[in-house]
Amino acid sequence: MTAEELGSKLTRLIGTSVTCSLTSNKLRVVSIKRGKAGLEVKVPNYFTDAPQDILLALASFCAKPKEKYARILHSYALRRCEEIKSSKRESYLRLSVKGVCYDLEALFNYINQTYFNGECSAHICWGKRTMPKYVVRMGSYEFDSQIIRIHPILDNPDVPQEIIEDVIFHEILHWKHGASKDNDRNVFHSKEMRKAEKKYPGHIFAAEWRKTHLPLLIKKYRILRRKEKN
């Protein structure tokens, strides 16, 4: 079901014109703006395949935003978010952890056991083979699915193992410290996290290596990717 189809269905159920748009915000379930032309409703994109009872609750909430309808929608949102998380975890199982040069699972287990007492429950895998420009995001952490992705540019014999370990250490810190709020803005690199990051023994070496070697590594990787596409 598209946003337009969802809007048409809500229009029929409520008897008032409804324009519907979809968002990727999983936390804010429903946003309603009332105007002369009708209702402007924003809902998370997973409402496009919502069952009939949820659509009826949504229509009722749009007509009269009562607490009982809000509870139904909130419960559905929590269930769908958990299903999405599970789906992402399952997709992780199909992703690669063993590269040409490095086994990410072995490196992750080493960092996790050595510096985090084996407490980190995140998963790790190589990311997609994207074409970097002049900078590259060497690692990322997805809070919903608890998946750490490492850019495959680092799966290279010219990259010291300590560099990948430093990236893994950084991403596990995201798992440990989470995100904080600063004037309604999400802060992913808090002062506490930055302080903890500097405690890693290989941090200074990794920072200096990136300054010296990463530009050339990106250049070589771009040439290799262009050859693979041709």
Protein backbone atom coordinates (compact mmCIF):
# COMPACT_ATOMS: atom_id res chain seq x y z
CA MET A 1 0.00 0.00 0.00
CA THR A 2 1.31 3.46 -0.93
CA ALA A 3 0.94 6.63 1.13
CA GLU A 4 -1.78 7.79 -1.26
CA GLU A 5 -3.69 4.53 -0.88
CA LEU A 6 -3.38 4.71 2.90
CA GLY A 7 -4.69 8.28 2.82
CA SER A 8 -7.65 7.22 0.66
CA LYS A 9 -8.49 4.35 3.02
CA LEU A 10 -8.38 6.66 6.05
CA THR A 11 -10.55 9.17 4.17
CA ARG A 12 -13.21 6.50 3.63
CA LEU A 13 -13.06 5.35 7.26
CA ILE A 14 -13.17 8.83 8.79
CA GLY A 15 -15.32 10.67 6.26
CA THR A 16 -12.80 13.52 6.16
CA SER A 17 -10.14 14.18 3.55
CA VAL A 18 -6.80 12.72 4.67
CA THR A 19 -3.41 13.31 3.07
CA CYS A 20 -0.94 10.75 4.30
CA SER A 21 2.87 10.79 4.21
CA LEU A 22 5.35 8.21 5.43
CA THR A 23 8.38 8.71 7.66
CA SER A 24 11.31 6.58 8.78
CA ASN A 25 10.84 7.75 12.37
CA LYS A 26 10.06 4.60 14.34
CA LEU A 27 9.53 6.34 17.67
CA ARG A 28 6.92 8.96 16.84
CA VAL A 29 3.93 6.90 15.78
CA VAL A 30 1.40 9.44 14.46
CA SER A 31 1.59 13.14 13.68
CA ILE A 32 -1.65 14.93 12.77
CA LYS A 33 -2.07 18.42 11.37
CA ARG A 34 -5.60 19.69 10.96
CA GLY A 35 -6.37 22.21 8.22
CA LYS A 36 -9.25 23.57 6.21
CA ALA A 37 -8.67 21.00 3.48
CA GLY A 38 -8.68 18.09 5.94
CA LEU A 39 -6.06 16.15 7.85
CA GLU A 40 -2.35 15.82 7.12
CA VAL A 41 -1.21 12.58 8.75
CA LYS A 42 2.36 11.32 9.09
CA VAL A 43 3.00 7.72 10.12
CA PRO A 44 6.01 5.36 10.04
CA ASN A 45 6.38 3.51 6.74
CA TYR A 46 5.50 0.14 8.32
CA PHE A 47 1.85 1.27 8.53
CA THR A 48 1.47 0.58 4.82
CA ASP A 49 1.03 -3.13 5.56
CA ALA A 50 -0.84 -2.73 8.85
CA PRO A 51 -3.76 -5.14 9.46
CA GLN A 52 -7.35 -3.92 9.36
CA ASP A 53 -7.76 -3.60 13.15
CA ILE A 54 -4.72 -1.31 13.33
CA LEU A 55 -6.02 0.80 10.45
CA LEU A 56 -9.34 1.15 12.25
CA ALA A 57 -7.51 2.25 15.41
CA LEU A 58 -5.48 4.72 13.33
CA ALA A 59 -8.61 6.11 11.73
CA SER A 60 -10.31 6.42 15.12
CA PHE A 61 -7.24 8.17 16.56
CA CYS A 62 -7.17 10.62 13.65
CA ALA A 63 -10.85 11.40 14.19
CA LYS A 64 -10.60 11.62 17.99
CA PRO A 65 -7.13 11.15 19.51
CA LYS A 66 -8.20 9.16 22.57
CA GLU A 67 -5.82 7.34 24.89
CA LYS A 68 -7.21 3.87 24.13
CA TYR A 69 -6.42 4.26 20.42
CA ALA A 70 -2.98 5.66 21.21
CA ARG A 71 -2.18 2.57 23.30
CA ILE A 72 -3.18 0.26 20.44
CA LEU A 73 -0.99 2.16 17.97
CA HIS A 74 1.93 2.33 20.39
CA SER A 75 1.74 -1.41 21.03
CA TYR A 76 1.70 -2.08 17.27
CA ALA A 77 4.68 0.23 16.76
CA LEU A 78 6.73 -1.59 19.41
CA ARG A 79 5.89 -4.97 17.87
CA ARG A 80 6.78 -3.84 14.35
CA CYS A 81 10.04 -2.24 15.50
CA GLU A 82 11.07 -5.50 17.15
CA GLU A 83 10.17 -7.42 13.97
CA ILE A 84 12.30 -5.01 11.93
CA LYS A 85 15.22 -5.49 14.33
CA SER A 86 14.89 -9.27 14.07
CA SER A 87 14.80 -9.06 10.28
CA LYS A 88 17.99 -7.00 10.25
CA ARG A 89 19.69 -9.48 12.57
CA GLU A 90 18.71 -12.31 10.23
CA SER A 91 20.09 -10.38 7.26
CA TYR A 92 23.34 -10.01 9.21
CA LEU A 93 23.69 -13.81 9.22
CA ARG A 94 23.87 -13.68 5.43
CA LEU A 95 26.60 -11.06 5.46
CA SER A 96 30.29 -11.82 5.29
CA VAL A 97 32.62 -11.70 8.28
CA LYS A 98 35.58 -13.36 6.57
CA GLY A 99 37.41 -11.18 4.10
CA VAL A 100 40.33 -11.87 1.81
CA CYS A 101 42.85 -10.78 4.42
CA TYR A 102 41.01 -10.42 7.71
CA ASP A 103 38.46 -12.38 9.72
CA LEU A 104 36.30 -9.74 11.41
CA GLU A 105 34.74 -12.17 13.85
CA ALA A 106 38.15 -13.15 15.23
CA LEU A 107 39.22 -9.51 15.56
CA PHE A 108 35.92 -8.54 17.18
CA ASN A 109 36.16 -11.37 19.70
CA TYR A 110 39.71 -10.32 20.59
CA ILE A 111 38.77 -6.67 21.19
CA ASN A 112 35.56 -7.61 22.99
CA GLN A 113 37.29 -10.02 25.37
CA THR A 114 40.38 -7.90 25.96
CA TYR A 115 38.80 -4.50 26.55
CA PHE A 116 35.08 -5.11 27.23
CA ASN A 117 35.15 -8.37 29.23
CA GLY A 118 33.25 -10.09 26.42
CA GLU A 119 30.11 -8.09 27.27
CA CYS A 120 29.42 -6.56 23.85
CA SER A 121 26.45 -8.29 22.24
CA ALA A 122 26.77 -6.56 18.87
CA HIS A 123 27.43 -8.37 15.58
CA ILE A 124 30.06 -7.47 13.01
CA CYS A 125 30.36 -7.81 9.25
CA TRP A 126 31.96 -6.25 6.21
CA GLY A 127 29.94 -3.45 4.65
CA LYS A 128 29.01 -2.97 1.01
CA ARG A 129 31.73 -2.37 -1.54
CA THR A 130 30.79 1.26 -2.14
CA MET A 131 32.91 3.70 -4.13
CA PRO A 132 34.50 6.17 -1.67
CA LYS A 133 35.26 9.75 -2.66
CA TYR A 134 38.07 11.50 -0.83
CA VAL A 135 37.06 10.37 2.64
CA VAL A 136 35.71 7.03 3.78
CA ARG A 137 33.61 6.00 6.74
CA MET A 138 35.69 3.07 7.93
CA GLY A 139 33.11 1.74 10.39
CA SER A 140 29.54 2.26 11.51
CA TYR A 141 27.27 1.01 14.27
CA GLU A 142 23.53 0.55 13.83
CA PHE A 143 21.77 0.91 17.16
CA ASP A 144 18.53 -0.84 16.18
CA SER A 145 20.09 -4.05 14.90
CA GLN A 146 23.33 -3.82 16.91
CA ILE A 147 25.39 -4.44 13.78
CA ILE A 148 28.91 -3.10 13.31
CA ARG A 149 29.91 -2.70 9.66
CA ILE A 150 33.50 -2.29 8.55
CA HIS A 151 34.29 -0.81 5.14
CA PRO A 152 35.90 -3.43 2.86
CA ILE A 153 38.58 -0.93 1.89
CA LEU A 154 40.33 -2.13 5.07
CA ASP A 155 40.39 -5.76 3.90
CA ASN A 156 43.78 -5.15 2.34
CA PRO A 157 47.27 -6.54 3.06
CA ASP A 158 48.57 -2.94 3.13
CA VAL A 159 46.34 -2.21 6.15
CA PRO A 160 47.85 -3.21 9.51
CA GLN A 161 45.62 -5.33 11.72
CA GLU A 162 45.84 -2.66 14.43
CA ILE A 163 43.91 -0.23 12.20
CA ILE A 164 40.90 -2.53 11.94
CA GLU A 165 41.09 -3.27 15.67
CA ASP A 166 41.03 0.47 16.38
CA VAL A 167 37.89 0.87 14.25
CA ILE A 168 36.21 -2.07 15.99
CA PHE A 169 37.12 -0.61 19.39
CA HIS A 170 35.54 2.71 18.36
CA GLU A 171 32.31 1.07 17.17
CA ILE A 172 31.99 -1.03 20.34
CA LEU A 173 32.24 2.23 22.29
CA HIS A 174 29.11 3.35 20.40
CA TRP A 175 27.41 0.18 21.64
CA LYS A 176 28.58 0.86 25.20
CA HIS A 177 27.90 4.60 25.46
CA GLY A 178 24.87 4.87 23.20
CA ALA A 179 23.55 8.29 22.19
CA SER A 180 22.85 11.26 24.43
CA LYS A 181 20.70 14.36 24.00
CA ASP A 182 21.91 17.96 23.74
CA ASN A 183 19.13 20.49 23.12
CA ASP A 184 17.01 17.87 21.31
CA ARG A 185 20.02 16.88 19.21
CA ASN A 186 21.40 13.35 19.23
CA VAL A 187 25.05 13.23 20.28
CA PHE A 188 26.85 10.05 19.23
CA HIS A 189 30.38 11.07 20.22
CA SER A 190 30.10 12.22 23.81
CA LYS A 191 33.00 13.54 25.88
CA GLU A 192 32.99 10.27 27.82
CA MET A 193 33.27 8.25 24.63
CA ARG A 194 36.07 10.42 23.25
CA LYS A 195 37.93 10.03 26.53
CA ALA A 196 37.49 6.23 26.48
CA GLU A 197 38.60 6.10 22.83
CA LYS A 198 41.98 7.62 23.69
CA LYS A 199 42.63 4.84 26.21
CA TYR A 200 42.98 2.27 23.43
CA PRO A 201 46.73 1.44 23.17
CA GLY A 202 46.78 1.63 19.37
CA HIS A 203 44.76 4.84 19.07
CA ILE A 204 47.67 7.21 18.37
CA PHE A 205 49.29 4.82 15.89
CA ALA A 206 45.95 4.37 14.06
CA ALA A 207 45.34 8.12 13.87
CA GLU A 208 48.80 8.76 12.45
CA TRP A 209 48.49 5.85 10.00
CA ARG A 210 45.18 7.19 8.67
CA LYS A 211 46.68 10.62 8.05
CA THR A 212 49.64 9.16 6.18
CA HIS A 213 48.24 6.17 4.31
CA LEU A 214 44.45 6.47 3.96
CA PRO A 215 44.39 8.92 1.00
CA LEU A 216 46.57 6.59 -1.10
CA LEU A 217 44.52 3.58 0.00
CA ILE A 218 41.31 5.30 -1.15
CA LYS A 219 42.91 6.18 -4.49
CA LYS A 220 43.99 2.57 -5.09
CA TYR A 221 40.57 1.26 -4.04
CA ARG A 222 38.78 3.62 -6.46
CA ILE A 223 41.00 2.45 -9.32
CA LEU A 224 40.30 -1.20 -8.44
CA ARG A 225 36.53 -0.65 -8.28
CA ARG A 226 36.50 1.11 -11.66
CA LYS A 227 38.38 -1.84 -13.20
CA GLU A 228 35.87 -4.27 -11.68
CA LYS A 229 32.96 -2.34 -13.22
CA ASN A 230 34.52 -2.22 -16.70
